[in-house]
Amino acid sequence: MTPRIAWGITGSGDKLTESIDVMSSLRKKHAWDVDVILSKAGEMVVTWYKLWGKIKQDFDKVFIESTANTPFLVGPLQLGKYDLLLLCPTTSNTTAKIAHGIADSLLTNCVAQAMKAGVHVYVFPVDQKLGKVETILPSNKRITLNMRDIDVKNAEKLRSMKGLTVLSSPKEIESVLFKFLAKK
C-alpha cells in the first residue's frame, strides 16, 4: 500500500530545510504519495530560504493557502483521500491555534477537520522545550532563540489530544509513519 500523505508547512524557518530533506528522501526511498500544503507564511519562508526549487522538483502537488478553506483540502481529508496529515515544521502560532481549537487558517482547519473525521495528525512544533535553541538563517548565520513558556505549554497541550501525535524531530517521521502504516 502506498500511503497518501498531506504534508503542511507553516512559517517556521527552524528545521525547515531538515524537514524538506527528510520528506524528499522518504518520498524517493518509499515512493510515498505526498501532497505539500503551504500556509501563506509557509510560502514566504520557503521562498526566503530558497527552497522552492527543491519542493517543486521533489513533489508533484503543491497547494498554497488562499483562505482557510481554499484550496479545498478538507473534503479530501474527510473522505479518506489521505491516510494522514503531517505538519512539519509548525510555528508557535499554528501550535497555539491547534491547542486551543482555532481553525482560521488552511492548515489549522485541515487539522480540525481531519481529527473530526478520524484521520490521524502528526505535528512537529518547533518550540517544545524551555531554554535556548540555535537556528540557522537563510544566510547560514546562526542565531539563538529563547523559548517562551506559553509556546512550550501549547506544544505540551497537543500531546494530550486524541488523534494527534507530537513529533520531537523531523528525523522521527520515518519510524513514526512506519508504525502508523503497519497498523492500517
Protein backbone atom coordinates (compact mmCIF):
# COMPACT_ATOMS: atom_id res chain seq x y z
CA MET A 1 0.00 0.00 0.00
CA THR A 2 1.31 3.42 -0.93
CA PRO A 3 0.45 5.87 1.83
CA ARG A 4 -1.17 9.16 0.86
CA ILE A 5 0.23 11.95 2.97
CA ALA A 6 -0.93 15.56 3.22
CA TRP A 7 2.12 17.50 4.45
CA GLY A 8 1.68 21.02 5.75
CA ILE A 9 4.47 23.57 6.12
CA THR A 10 3.89 26.67 8.23
CA GLY A 11 6.05 29.79 8.56
CA SER A 12 8.87 28.36 10.65
CA GLY A 13 12.38 28.56 9.29
CA ASP A 14 13.71 26.48 12.18
CA LYS A 15 14.09 22.86 10.99
CA LEU A 16 12.56 23.77 7.61
CA THR A 17 15.48 22.58 5.48
CA GLU A 18 15.79 19.41 7.55
CA SER A 19 12.03 18.76 7.24
CA ILE A 20 12.10 19.16 3.46
CA ASP A 21 15.18 16.95 3.19
CA VAL A 22 13.55 14.20 5.27
CA MET A 23 10.29 14.29 3.31
CA SER A 24 12.09 14.37 -0.05
CA SER A 25 14.22 11.41 0.96
CA LEU A 26 11.24 9.40 2.22
CA ARG A 27 9.21 10.13 -0.90
CA LYS A 28 12.05 8.96 -3.14
CA LYS A 29 13.02 5.98 -0.98
CA HIS A 30 9.49 4.62 -0.49
CA ALA A 31 7.59 6.17 -3.43
CA TRP A 32 5.12 7.69 -0.98
CA ASP A 33 2.35 9.89 -2.37
CA VAL A 34 2.96 13.26 -0.68
CA ASP A 35 1.00 16.44 -1.37
CA VAL A 36 2.54 19.63 0.03
CA ILE A 37 0.33 22.30 1.60
CA LEU A 38 1.92 25.67 2.31
CA SER A 39 0.38 28.24 4.59
CA LYS A 40 0.75 31.84 3.45
CA ALA A 41 3.67 32.22 5.86
CA GLY A 42 4.99 28.81 4.75
CA GLU A 43 5.17 30.06 1.18
CA MET A 44 7.05 33.15 2.37
CA VAL A 45 9.60 31.22 4.43
CA VAL A 46 10.17 28.58 1.70
CA THR A 47 10.91 31.46 -0.68
CA TRP A 48 13.16 33.21 1.86
CA TYR A 49 15.16 30.02 2.41
CA LYS A 50 15.36 29.50 -1.38
CA LEU A 51 13.74 26.05 -1.17
CA TRP A 52 11.02 26.50 -3.82
CA GLY A 53 13.04 24.70 -6.47
CA LYS A 54 13.58 21.66 -4.26
CA ILE A 55 9.90 21.43 -3.36
CA LYS A 56 8.75 21.78 -6.97
CA GLN A 57 11.35 19.25 -8.14
CA ASP A 58 10.65 16.64 -5.44
CA PHE A 59 6.86 16.86 -5.07
CA ASP A 60 4.17 16.64 -7.73
CA LYS A 61 1.39 18.54 -5.96
CA VAL A 62 1.95 21.77 -4.04
CA PHE A 63 -1.02 23.72 -2.69
CA ILE A 64 -0.75 27.28 -1.36
CA GLU A 65 -3.22 28.72 1.12
CA SER A 66 -5.55 31.36 -0.25
CA THR A 67 -8.17 31.24 2.53
CA ALA A 68 -8.97 28.96 5.46
CA ASN A 69 -10.81 26.67 3.07
CA THR A 70 -9.04 27.36 -0.24
CA PRO A 71 -7.72 25.28 -1.83
CA PHE A 72 -10.43 22.88 -0.71
CA LEU A 73 -8.48 20.14 1.11
CA VAL A 74 -10.85 19.50 4.00
CA GLY A 75 -13.16 17.43 1.81
CA PRO A 76 -10.43 15.12 0.51
CA LEU A 77 -9.10 14.73 4.08
CA GLN A 78 -12.55 13.83 5.43
CA LEU A 79 -13.29 11.45 2.54
CA GLY A 80 -10.13 9.42 3.07
CA LYS A 81 -8.02 10.64 0.15
CA TYR A 82 -5.17 10.99 2.65
CA ASP A 83 -4.08 8.41 5.21
CA LEU A 84 -2.65 11.07 7.49
CA LEU A 85 -1.90 14.74 7.89
CA LEU A 86 1.60 15.85 8.86
CA LEU A 87 2.52 19.42 9.85
CA CYS A 88 6.28 19.85 9.95
CA PRO A 89 7.64 22.28 10.98
CA THR A 90 4.91 24.11 12.87
CA THR A 91 5.21 27.64 14.22
CA SER A 92 4.24 28.59 17.75
CA ASN A 93 1.27 30.46 16.25
CA THR A 94 -0.12 27.38 14.47
CA THR A 95 0.63 25.23 17.51
CA ALA A 96 -1.31 27.63 19.76
CA LYS A 97 -4.27 27.68 17.39
CA ILE A 98 -4.44 23.89 17.24
CA ALA A 99 -4.04 23.61 21.02
CA HIS A 100 -6.95 25.99 21.57
CA GLY A 101 -9.25 24.75 18.82
CA ILE A 102 -8.86 27.71 16.48
CA ALA A 103 -9.29 26.72 12.83
CA ASP A 104 -8.97 30.02 10.98
CA SER A 105 -6.19 29.13 8.53
CA LEU A 106 -5.97 26.41 5.91
CA LEU A 107 -3.69 24.17 7.96
CA THR A 108 -5.46 24.65 11.30
CA ASN A 109 -8.76 23.98 9.54
CA CYS A 110 -7.28 20.83 7.98
CA VAL A 111 -6.14 19.65 11.42
CA ALA A 112 -9.55 20.26 12.99
CA GLN A 113 -11.46 18.55 10.21
CA ALA A 114 -9.01 15.65 9.86
CA MET A 115 -9.31 14.92 13.58
CA LYS A 116 -13.11 15.07 13.38
CA ALA A 117 -13.01 12.53 10.52
CA GLY A 118 -10.61 10.20 12.32
CA VAL A 119 -7.61 10.98 10.10
CA HIS A 120 -4.51 10.88 12.28
CA VAL A 121 -2.50 14.09 12.56
CA TYR A 122 1.24 14.37 13.24
CA VAL A 123 2.71 17.72 14.28
CA PHE A 124 6.28 18.87 14.81
CA PRO A 125 6.12 22.13 16.80
CA VAL A 126 9.49 23.85 16.77
CA ASP A 127 9.03 25.35 20.26
CA GLN A 128 8.83 22.31 22.54
CA LYS A 129 11.44 22.73 25.27
CA LEU A 130 12.31 25.59 27.56
CA GLY A 131 15.71 27.12 27.11
CA LYS A 132 17.78 28.37 24.25
CA VAL A 133 17.65 26.97 20.73
CA GLU A 134 20.14 27.71 17.99
CA THR A 135 18.74 28.03 14.49
CA ILE A 136 20.21 28.85 11.10
CA LEU A 137 19.02 31.73 8.92
CA PRO A 138 18.97 31.54 5.09
CA SER A 139 22.33 33.39 5.12
CA ASN A 140 23.75 30.49 7.19
CA LYS A 141 24.11 32.86 10.13
CA ARG A 142 23.30 31.16 13.43
CA ILE A 143 21.05 32.85 15.96
CA THR A 144 19.93 31.84 19.43
CA LEU A 145 16.25 31.96 20.36
CA ASN A 146 14.76 31.75 23.88
CA MET A 147 11.68 29.57 24.04
CA ARG A 148 8.67 31.16 25.73
CA ASP A 149 6.78 29.30 28.46
CA ILE A 150 3.45 29.73 26.68
CA ASP A 151 4.76 28.17 23.45
CA VAL A 152 6.15 25.15 25.27
CA LYS A 153 2.85 24.76 27.19
CA ASN A 154 0.89 24.82 23.93
CA ALA A 155 3.13 22.11 22.45
CA GLU A 156 2.54 20.06 25.61
CA LYS A 157 -1.21 20.58 25.30
CA LEU A 158 -1.08 18.96 21.85
CA ARG A 159 0.33 15.78 23.43
CA SER A 160 -2.96 15.21 25.25
CA MET A 161 -5.13 15.48 22.14
CA LYS A 162 -6.69 12.27 20.86
CA GLY A 163 -5.84 11.57 17.23
CA LEU A 164 -2.75 13.78 17.24
CA THR A 165 0.88 12.78 17.75
CA VAL A 166 3.60 15.30 18.53
CA LEU A 167 6.97 14.59 16.94
CA SER A 168 10.15 15.65 18.71
CA SER A 169 12.18 15.96 15.49
CA PRO A 170 11.78 15.66 11.72
CA LYS A 171 14.16 12.68 11.96
CA GLU A 172 11.38 10.84 13.79
CA ILE A 173 9.00 10.99 10.80
CA GLU A 174 10.05 7.76 9.08
CA SER A 175 9.81 5.49 12.13
CA VAL A 176 6.55 7.02 13.34
CA LEU A 177 4.93 6.77 9.92
CA PHE A 178 6.02 3.16 9.50
CA LYS A 179 4.44 2.30 12.86
CA PHE A 180 1.25 4.08 11.81
CA LEU A 181 1.12 2.37 8.43
CA ALA A 182 1.75 -1.05 9.96
CA LYS A 183 -1.48 -0.63 11.96
CA LYS A 184 -3.53 0.13 8.83
